[in-house]
């Protein structure tokens, strides 16, 4: 197993198809974190990608999303055995939000 440390990921725009998938690995799964967007009054997925990391099955990790204005949103990410975890934050999120450092073994 390799110890992976996610330092900080800047926001990146990506096609919605790139935000939807998960990699079901032997020891864990890839968790995708995206920003919800509003369209005509409805909240939908497929917004800005906030990044991803490989987390062990059955694990829970705290994640902080912090904007350049200093506002922070905290949450826990839970990973099920079936690797169906997807986290959508907001709206709204601070501009230029990043995921703060957290570690995972996968």
C-alpha atoms as a PDB file:
ATOM      1  CA  UNK A   1       0.000   0.000   0.000  1.00  0.00           C
ATOM      2  CA  UNK A   2       1.165   3.461  -0.751  1.00  0.00           C
ATOM      3  CA  UNK A   3       0.699   6.401   1.576  1.00  0.00           C
ATOM      4  CA  UNK A   4      -0.827   9.255  -0.368  1.00  0.00           C
ATOM      5  CA  UNK A   5      -0.891  12.806   0.938  1.00  0.00           C
ATOM      6  CA  UNK A   6      -3.136  15.311  -0.775  1.00  0.00           C
ATOM      7  CA  UNK A   7      -1.721  18.752  -0.058  1.00  0.00           C
ATOM      8  CA  UNK A   8      -4.034  21.202  -1.796  1.00  0.00           C
ATOM      9  CA  UNK A   9      -5.848  21.159  -5.105  1.00  0.00           C
ATOM     10  CA  UNK A  10      -6.917  24.314  -6.881  1.00  0.00           C
ATOM     11  CA  UNK A  11     -10.314  24.407  -8.498  1.00  0.00           C
ATOM     12  CA  UNK A  12     -10.360  23.123 -12.045  1.00  0.00           C
ATOM     13  CA  UNK A  13     -13.122  23.138 -14.587  1.00  0.00           C
ATOM     14  CA  UNK A  14     -13.710  19.752 -16.198  1.00  0.00           C
ATOM     15  CA  UNK A  15     -16.394  18.086 -18.296  1.00  0.00           C
ATOM     16  CA  UNK A  16     -19.183  16.576 -16.225  1.00  0.00           C
ATOM     17  CA  UNK A  17     -18.266  13.101 -17.489  1.00  0.00           C
ATOM     18  CA  UNK A  18     -14.840  13.479 -15.890  1.00  0.00           C
ATOM     19  CA  UNK A  19     -16.437  14.271 -12.543  1.00  0.00           C
ATOM     20  CA  UNK A  20     -18.780  11.323 -12.387  1.00  0.00           C
ATOM     21  CA  UNK A  21     -16.540   8.270 -12.114  1.00  0.00           C
ATOM     22  CA  UNK A  22     -15.005   6.355  -9.275  1.00  0.00           C
ATOM     23  CA  UNK A  23     -12.124   3.902  -9.391  1.00  0.00           C
ATOM     24  CA  UNK A  24     -12.921   0.754  -7.420  1.00  0.00           C
ATOM     25  CA  UNK A  25      -9.492  -0.326  -6.234  1.00  0.00           C
ATOM     26  CA  UNK A  26      -8.332  -3.347  -4.279  1.00  0.00           C
ATOM     27  CA  UNK A  27      -7.932  -1.520  -0.972  1.00  0.00           C
ATOM     28  CA  UNK A  28     -10.070   1.564  -1.380  1.00  0.00           C
ATOM     29  CA  UNK A  29     -11.773   3.846  -3.808  1.00  0.00           C
ATOM     30  CA  UNK A  30     -11.357   7.208  -5.444  1.00  0.00           C
ATOM     31  CA  UNK A  31     -13.622   9.818  -3.888  1.00  0.00           C
ATOM     32  CA  UNK A  32     -14.644  12.672  -6.140  1.00  0.00           C
ATOM     33  CA  UNK A  33     -15.555  16.009  -4.602  1.00  0.00           C
ATOM     34  CA  UNK A  34     -17.464  18.476  -6.764  1.00  0.00           C
ATOM     35  CA  UNK A  35     -19.232  21.771  -6.328  1.00  0.00           C
ATOM     36  CA  UNK A  36     -22.977  21.874  -6.851  1.00  0.00           C
ATOM     37  CA  UNK A  37     -24.213  24.447  -9.324  1.00  0.00           C
ATOM     38  CA  UNK A  38     -27.538  26.220  -9.707  1.00  0.00           C
ATOM     39  CA  UNK A  39     -29.328  26.318 -13.048  1.00  0.00           C
ATOM     40  CA  UNK A  40     -32.698  28.026 -13.417  1.00  0.00           C
ATOM     41  CA  UNK A  41     -33.335  27.705  -9.705  1.00  0.00           C
ATOM     42  CA  UNK A  42     -32.480  24.000  -9.532  1.00  0.00           C
ATOM     43  CA  UNK A  43     -29.396  22.626  -7.806  1.00  0.00           C
ATOM     44  CA  UNK A  44     -27.493  20.125  -9.917  1.00  0.00           C
ATOM     45  CA  UNK A  45     -24.200  18.247  -9.812  1.00  0.00           C
ATOM     46  CA  UNK A  46     -21.369  18.414 -12.299  1.00  0.00           C
ATOM     47  CA  UNK A  47     -19.940  21.707 -11.111  1.00  0.00           C
ATOM     48  CA  UNK A  48     -16.338  22.622 -10.462  1.00  0.00           C
ATOM     49  CA  UNK A  49     -14.102  19.769  -9.399  1.00  0.00           C
ATOM     50  CA  UNK A  50     -12.523  20.276  -5.993  1.00  0.00           C
ATOM     51  CA  UNK A  51     -10.283  17.251  -6.394  1.00  0.00           C
ATOM     52  CA  UNK A  52     -10.184  13.638  -5.299  1.00  0.00           C
ATOM     53  CA  UNK A  53      -8.180  11.166  -3.265  1.00  0.00           C
ATOM     54  CA  UNK A  54      -8.030   7.441  -2.700  1.00  0.00           C
ATOM     55  CA  UNK A  55      -9.597   6.490   0.639  1.00  0.00           C
ATOM     56  CA  UNK A  56      -9.749   3.060   2.312  1.00  0.00           C
ATOM     57  CA  UNK A  57     -13.025   1.152   2.416  1.00  0.00           C
ATOM     58  CA  UNK A  58     -15.090   1.858   5.512  1.00  0.00           C
ATOM     59  CA  UNK A  59     -13.068   4.957   6.356  1.00  0.00           C
ATOM     60  CA  UNK A  60     -14.158   8.442   7.305  1.00  0.00           C
ATOM     61  CA  UNK A  61     -12.005  11.498   6.668  1.00  0.00           C
ATOM     62  CA  UNK A  62     -12.494  15.147   7.577  1.00  0.00           C
ATOM     63  CA  UNK A  63     -12.156  17.556   4.656  1.00  0.00           C
ATOM     64  CA  UNK A  64     -11.986  21.338   4.784  1.00  0.00           C
ATOM     65  CA  UNK A  65     -12.743  23.565   1.815  1.00  0.00           C
ATOM     66  CA  UNK A  66     -11.351  27.054   2.302  1.00  0.00           C
ATOM     67  CA  UNK A  67     -11.795  30.111   0.107  1.00  0.00           C
ATOM     68  CA  UNK A  68      -9.422  32.997  -0.430  1.00  0.00           C
ATOM     69  CA  UNK A  69     -11.713  35.075   1.789  1.00  0.00           C
ATOM     70  CA  UNK A  70     -10.865  32.748   4.690  1.00  0.00           C
ATOM     71  CA  UNK A  71     -14.307  31.129   4.961  1.00  0.00           C
ATOM     72  CA  UNK A  72     -14.131  27.381   5.543  1.00  0.00           C
ATOM     73  CA  UNK A  73     -16.642  24.560   5.077  1.00  0.00           C
ATOM     74  CA  UNK A  74     -15.945  21.367   7.044  1.00  0.00           C
ATOM     75  CA  UNK A  75     -17.412  17.927   6.414  1.00  0.00           C
ATOM     76  CA  UNK A  76     -16.706  14.218   6.801  1.00  0.00           C
ATOM     77  CA  UNK A  77     -16.343  11.905   3.826  1.00  0.00           C
ATOM     78  CA  UNK A  78     -17.485   8.314   4.363  1.00  0.00           C
ATOM     79  CA  UNK A  79     -16.418   5.527   2.013  1.00  0.00           C
ATOM     80  CA  UNK A  80     -18.686   2.503   1.686  1.00  0.00           C
ATOM     81  CA  UNK A  81     -17.523  -0.964   0.669  1.00  0.00           C
ATOM     82  CA  UNK A  82     -19.298  -0.573  -2.664  1.00  0.00           C
ATOM     83  CA  UNK A  83     -17.319   2.574  -3.418  1.00  0.00           C
ATOM     84  CA  UNK A  84     -20.350   4.716  -4.244  1.00  0.00           C
ATOM     85  CA  UNK A  85     -19.193   7.795  -2.355  1.00  0.00           C
ATOM     86  CA  UNK A  86     -19.536  11.162  -4.032  1.00  0.00           C
ATOM     87  CA  UNK A  87     -19.470  14.436  -2.161  1.00  0.00           C
ATOM     88  CA  UNK A  88     -21.107  17.569  -3.491  1.00  0.00           C
ATOM     89  CA  UNK A  89     -20.667  20.853  -1.639  1.00  0.00           C
ATOM     90  CA  UNK A  90     -22.627  24.057  -1.761  1.00  0.00           C
ATOM     91  CA  UNK A  91     -23.828  26.136  -3.276  1.00  0.00           C
ATOM     92  CA  UNK A  92     -22.390  28.612  -2.704  1.00  0.00           C
ATOM     93  CA  UNK A  93     -18.692  27.940  -2.203  1.00  0.00           C
ATOM     94  CA  UNK A  94     -16.049  30.615  -1.742  1.00  0.00           C
ATOM     95  CA  UNK A  95     -14.194  31.685  -4.870  1.00  0.00           C
ATOM     96  CA  UNK A  96     -10.930  29.833  -5.497  1.00  0.00           C
ATOM     97  CA  UNK A  97     -11.796  27.170  -2.936  1.00  0.00           C
ATOM     98  CA  UNK A  98      -9.233  24.452  -2.240  1.00  0.00           C
ATOM     99  CA  UNK A  99      -9.226  21.200  -0.318  1.00  0.00           C
ATOM    100  CA  UNK A 100      -6.944  21.390   2.692  1.00  0.00           C
ATOM    101  CA  UNK A 101      -4.401  18.663   3.394  1.00  0.00           C
ATOM    102  CA  UNK A 102      -5.492  15.193   4.398  1.00  0.00           C
ATOM    103  CA  UNK A 103      -3.951  11.749   4.117  1.00  0.00           C
ATOM    104  CA  UNK A 104      -5.182   8.351   3.014  1.00  0.00           C
ATOM    105  CA  UNK A 105      -3.787   4.873   2.514  1.00  0.00           C
ATOM    106  CA  UNK A 106      -4.850   3.014  -0.597  1.00  0.00           C
END
